[in-house]
Amino acid sequence: GGYTVKLKIWDTYNNSAEVSLKFIVESQKLKILNVYNFPNPFEELTTFHVEHTAENQDLIFKIEVFDGFGKMVFEKQESCYSCDKSINLGMNIEPKNWTKGIYFYRISANISNENGTSTASGKMLFWK
């Protein structure tokens, strides 16, 4: 909807000035509602289940995984055309350089050819 913000100020001599700003707030087309990975804990394969609000849109998903020190250890981008409101994103990891422990993931989604990104994050347990 449309909104107006009015600001009126006075200086130390009681002189006033007034200004207004009109702006429009649009609803967000894309929002990630829920993300989880399964199985968790995992050894080599895990799948991310993503629920979002942009049904029947062309989406681009980006998966990033970080170790406990914040170093990115995995990155993948996947596209979905005319997506359902939920999608499963598979992740096949070559765990030779990973140590067992907690890892953190961030999943970003955006609508193809449009601005705006929705992001969700969580943690997962890698177990050799």
C-alpha atoms as a PDB file:
ATOM      1  CA  GLY A   1       0.000   0.000   0.000  1.00  0.00           C
ATOM      2  CA  GLY A   2       0.903   3.660  -0.214  1.00  0.00           C
ATOM      3  CA  TYR A   3       2.209   5.589   2.782  1.00  0.00           C
ATOM      4  CA  THR A   4       3.264   9.146   3.612  1.00  0.00           C
ATOM      5  CA  VAL A   5       5.767  10.150   6.267  1.00  0.00           C
ATOM      6  CA  LYS A   6       5.701  13.773   7.410  1.00  0.00           C
ATOM      7  CA  LEU A   7       8.553  15.311   9.369  1.00  0.00           C
ATOM      8  CA  LYS A   8       8.336  18.711  11.039  1.00  0.00           C
ATOM      9  CA  ILE A   9      11.346  20.160  12.867  1.00  0.00           C
ATOM     10  CA  TRP A  10      12.183  23.354  14.724  1.00  0.00           C
ATOM     11  CA  ASP A  11      15.476  25.094  15.276  1.00  0.00           C
ATOM     12  CA  THR A  12      16.536  26.890  18.475  1.00  0.00           C
ATOM     13  CA  TYR A  13      14.873  30.112  17.228  1.00  0.00           C
ATOM     14  CA  ASN A  14      11.512  28.318  16.862  1.00  0.00           C
ATOM     15  CA  ASN A  15      11.642  28.374  13.045  1.00  0.00           C
ATOM     16  CA  SER A  16       9.958  25.289  11.604  1.00  0.00           C
ATOM     17  CA  ALA A  17      10.323  23.306   8.424  1.00  0.00           C
ATOM     18  CA  GLU A  18       8.183  20.474   7.162  1.00  0.00           C
ATOM     19  CA  VAL A  19       8.819  17.812   4.556  1.00  0.00           C
ATOM     20  CA  SER A  20       6.884  14.724   3.465  1.00  0.00           C
ATOM     21  CA  LEU A  21       7.907  11.511   1.765  1.00  0.00           C
ATOM     22  CA  LYS A  22       5.479   9.285  -0.124  1.00  0.00           C
ATOM     23  CA  PHE A  23       6.342   5.646  -0.747  1.00  0.00           C
ATOM     24  CA  ILE A  24       4.716   2.365  -1.732  1.00  0.00           C
ATOM     25  CA  VAL A  25       5.291  -0.965   0.005  1.00  0.00           C
ATOM     26  CA  GLU A  26       4.773  -3.915  -2.318  1.00  0.00           C
ATOM     27  CA  SER A  27       4.188  -7.447  -1.161  1.00  0.00           C
ATOM     28  CA  GLN A  28       7.104  -9.811  -1.525  1.00  0.00           C
ATOM     29  CA  LYS A  29       6.616 -12.242  -4.425  1.00  0.00           C
ATOM     30  CA  LEU A  30       9.117 -14.749  -3.089  1.00  0.00           C
ATOM     31  CA  LYS A  31       9.692 -15.835   0.465  1.00  0.00           C
ATOM     32  CA  ILE A  32      11.280 -19.033   1.714  1.00  0.00           C
ATOM     33  CA  LEU A  33       8.894 -20.361   4.355  1.00  0.00           C
ATOM     34  CA  ASN A  34      10.719 -23.465   5.566  1.00  0.00           C
ATOM     35  CA  VAL A  35      13.987 -25.306   4.864  1.00  0.00           C
ATOM     36  CA  TYR A  36      15.388 -28.514   6.307  1.00  0.00           C
ATOM     37  CA  ASN A  37      17.754 -31.215   5.151  1.00  0.00           C
ATOM     38  CA  PHE A  38      17.305 -34.965   5.416  1.00  0.00           C
ATOM     39  CA  PRO A  39      18.795 -37.212   6.450  1.00  0.00           C
ATOM     40  CA  ASN A  40      20.401 -35.252   9.222  1.00  0.00           C
ATOM     41  CA  PRO A  41      22.997 -36.425  10.308  1.00  0.00           C
ATOM     42  CA  PHE A  42      24.276 -37.512   6.883  1.00  0.00           C
ATOM     43  CA  GLU A  43      27.340 -39.200   5.385  1.00  0.00           C
ATOM     44  CA  GLU A  44      27.519 -38.400   1.676  1.00  0.00           C
ATOM     45  CA  LEU A  45      24.073 -37.495   0.428  1.00  0.00           C
ATOM     46  CA  THR A  46      21.548 -35.093   1.847  1.00  0.00           C
ATOM     47  CA  THR A  47      18.491 -33.409   0.365  1.00  0.00           C
ATOM     48  CA  PHE A  48      17.165 -29.962   1.189  1.00  0.00           C
ATOM     49  CA  HIS A  49      13.404 -29.545   1.308  1.00  0.00           C
ATOM     50  CA  VAL A  50      12.452 -25.937   0.523  1.00  0.00           C
ATOM     51  CA  GLU A  51       8.954 -24.468   0.856  1.00  0.00           C
ATOM     52  CA  HIS A  52       8.361 -21.052  -0.745  1.00  0.00           C
ATOM     53  CA  THR A  53       5.635 -18.648  -1.886  1.00  0.00           C
ATOM     54  CA  ALA A  54       6.490 -18.367  -5.608  1.00  0.00           C
ATOM     55  CA  GLU A  55       4.508 -21.262  -7.029  1.00  0.00           C
ATOM     56  CA  ASN A  56       4.622 -21.655 -10.841  1.00  0.00           C
ATOM     57  CA  GLN A  57       7.577 -19.247 -11.124  1.00  0.00           C
ATOM     58  CA  ASP A  58      11.018 -19.907 -12.606  1.00  0.00           C
ATOM     59  CA  LEU A  59      13.412 -19.906  -9.633  1.00  0.00           C
ATOM     60  CA  ILE A  60      17.147 -20.087  -9.104  1.00  0.00           C
ATOM     61  CA  PHE A  61      18.340 -21.697  -5.859  1.00  0.00           C
ATOM     62  CA  LYS A  62      21.840 -21.388  -4.432  1.00  0.00           C
ATOM     63  CA  ILE A  63      23.081 -23.744  -1.706  1.00  0.00           C
ATOM     64  CA  GLU A  64      26.147 -22.776   0.324  1.00  0.00           C
ATOM     65  CA  VAL A  65      27.646 -24.905   3.110  1.00  0.00           C
ATOM     66  CA  PHE A  66      30.132 -23.551   5.668  1.00  0.00           C
ATOM     67  CA  ASP A  67      32.290 -25.290   8.236  1.00  0.00           C
ATOM     68  CA  GLY A  68      32.500 -24.208  11.882  1.00  0.00           C
ATOM     69  CA  PHE A  69      35.142 -21.592  11.003  1.00  0.00           C
ATOM     70  CA  GLY A  70      32.925 -19.932   8.391  1.00  0.00           C
ATOM     71  CA  LYS A  71      34.849 -21.283   5.407  1.00  0.00           C
ATOM     72  CA  MET A  72      32.656 -22.212   2.453  1.00  0.00           C
ATOM     73  CA  VAL A  73      33.131 -25.921   1.715  1.00  0.00           C
ATOM     74  CA  PHE A  74      30.334 -26.508  -0.796  1.00  0.00           C
ATOM     75  CA  GLU A  75      28.399 -24.423  -3.296  1.00  0.00           C
ATOM     76  CA  LYS A  76      25.748 -25.391  -5.827  1.00  0.00           C
ATOM     77  CA  GLN A  77      23.239 -23.536  -7.970  1.00  0.00           C
ATOM     78  CA  GLU A  78      20.090 -25.165  -9.309  1.00  0.00           C
ATOM     79  CA  SER A  79      17.229 -23.858 -11.449  1.00  0.00           C
ATOM     80  CA  CYS A  80      13.600 -24.856 -11.280  1.00  0.00           C
ATOM     81  CA  TYR A  81      11.076 -24.000 -13.991  1.00  0.00           C
ATOM     82  CA  SER A  82       7.401 -23.554 -13.064  1.00  0.00           C
ATOM     83  CA  CYS A  83       8.229 -24.670  -9.527  1.00  0.00           C
ATOM     84  CA  ASP A  84       5.778 -26.223  -7.149  1.00  0.00           C
ATOM     85  CA  LYS A  85       5.426 -24.528  -3.768  1.00  0.00           C
ATOM     86  CA  SER A  86       7.922 -27.027  -2.351  1.00  0.00           C
ATOM     87  CA  ILE A  87      11.037 -28.514  -3.920  1.00  0.00           C
ATOM     88  CA  ASN A  88      13.739 -31.016  -2.982  1.00  0.00           C
ATOM     89  CA  LEU A  89      17.309 -30.013  -3.809  1.00  0.00           C
ATOM     90  CA  GLY A  90      19.801 -32.877  -3.719  1.00  0.00           C
ATOM     91  CA  MET A  91      23.399 -32.447  -2.657  1.00  0.00           C
ATOM     92  CA  ASN A  92      26.073 -35.036  -3.406  1.00  0.00           C
ATOM     93  CA  ILE A  93      29.178 -34.222  -1.389  1.00  0.00           C
ATOM     94  CA  GLU A  94      32.653 -35.620  -1.830  1.00  0.00           C
ATOM     95  CA  PRO A  95      33.450 -35.771   1.889  1.00  0.00           C
ATOM     96  CA  LYS A  96      37.159 -36.605   1.633  1.00  0.00           C
ATOM     97  CA  ASN A  97      38.132 -33.168   2.967  1.00  0.00           C
ATOM     98  CA  TRP A  98      35.362 -32.901   5.544  1.00  0.00           C
ATOM     99  CA  THR A  99      35.688 -33.726   9.215  1.00  0.00           C
ATOM    100  CA  LYS A 100      32.746 -34.950  11.217  1.00  0.00           C
ATOM    101  CA  GLY A 101      30.863 -32.209  12.986  1.00  0.00           C
ATOM    102  CA  ILE A 102      28.343 -29.412  12.566  1.00  0.00           C
ATOM    103  CA  TYR A 103      28.107 -27.513   9.285  1.00  0.00           C
ATOM    104  CA  PHE A 104      25.935 -24.533   8.441  1.00  0.00           C
ATOM    105  CA  TYR A 105      23.962 -24.041   5.249  1.00  0.00           C
ATOM    106  CA  ARG A 106      22.439 -21.032   3.545  1.00  0.00           C
ATOM    107  CA  ILE A 107      19.896 -21.384   0.759  1.00  0.00           C
ATOM    108  CA  SER A 108      19.053 -18.362  -1.375  1.00  0.00           C
ATOM    109  CA  ALA A 109      16.279 -18.201  -3.945  1.00  0.00           C
ATOM    110  CA  ASN A 110      15.333 -15.614  -6.514  1.00  0.00           C
ATOM    111  CA  ILE A 111      12.869 -15.385  -9.361  1.00  0.00           C
ATOM    112  CA  SER A 112      14.570 -15.540 -12.760  1.00  0.00           C
ATOM    113  CA  ASN A 113      14.998 -12.103 -14.371  1.00  0.00           C
ATOM    114  CA  GLU A 114      13.749 -10.233 -11.289  1.00  0.00           C
ATOM    115  CA  ASN A 115      15.400  -8.500  -8.351  1.00  0.00           C
ATOM    116  CA  GLY A 116      14.964  -9.672  -4.793  1.00  0.00           C
ATOM    117  CA  THR A 117      16.244 -12.667  -2.932  1.00  0.00           C
ATOM    118  CA  SER A 118      14.898 -14.721  -0.067  1.00  0.00           C
ATOM    119  CA  THR A 119      17.354 -16.555   2.167  1.00  0.00           C
ATOM    120  CA  ALA A 120      17.093 -19.232   4.848  1.00  0.00           C
ATOM    121  CA  SER A 121      19.772 -21.001   6.857  1.00  0.00           C
ATOM    122  CA  GLY A 122      20.264 -23.856   9.262  1.00  0.00           C
ATOM    123  CA  LYS A 123      22.725 -26.407  10.539  1.00  0.00           C
ATOM    124  CA  MET A 124      23.425 -30.031   9.755  1.00  0.00           C
ATOM    125  CA  LEU A 125      25.590 -32.782  11.140  1.00  0.00           C
ATOM    126  CA  PHE A 126      28.139 -34.569   8.971  1.00  0.00           C
ATOM    127  CA  TRP A 127      29.010 -38.055  10.205  1.00  0.00           C
ATOM    128  CA  LYS A 128      31.624 -40.339   8.643  1.00  0.00           C
END
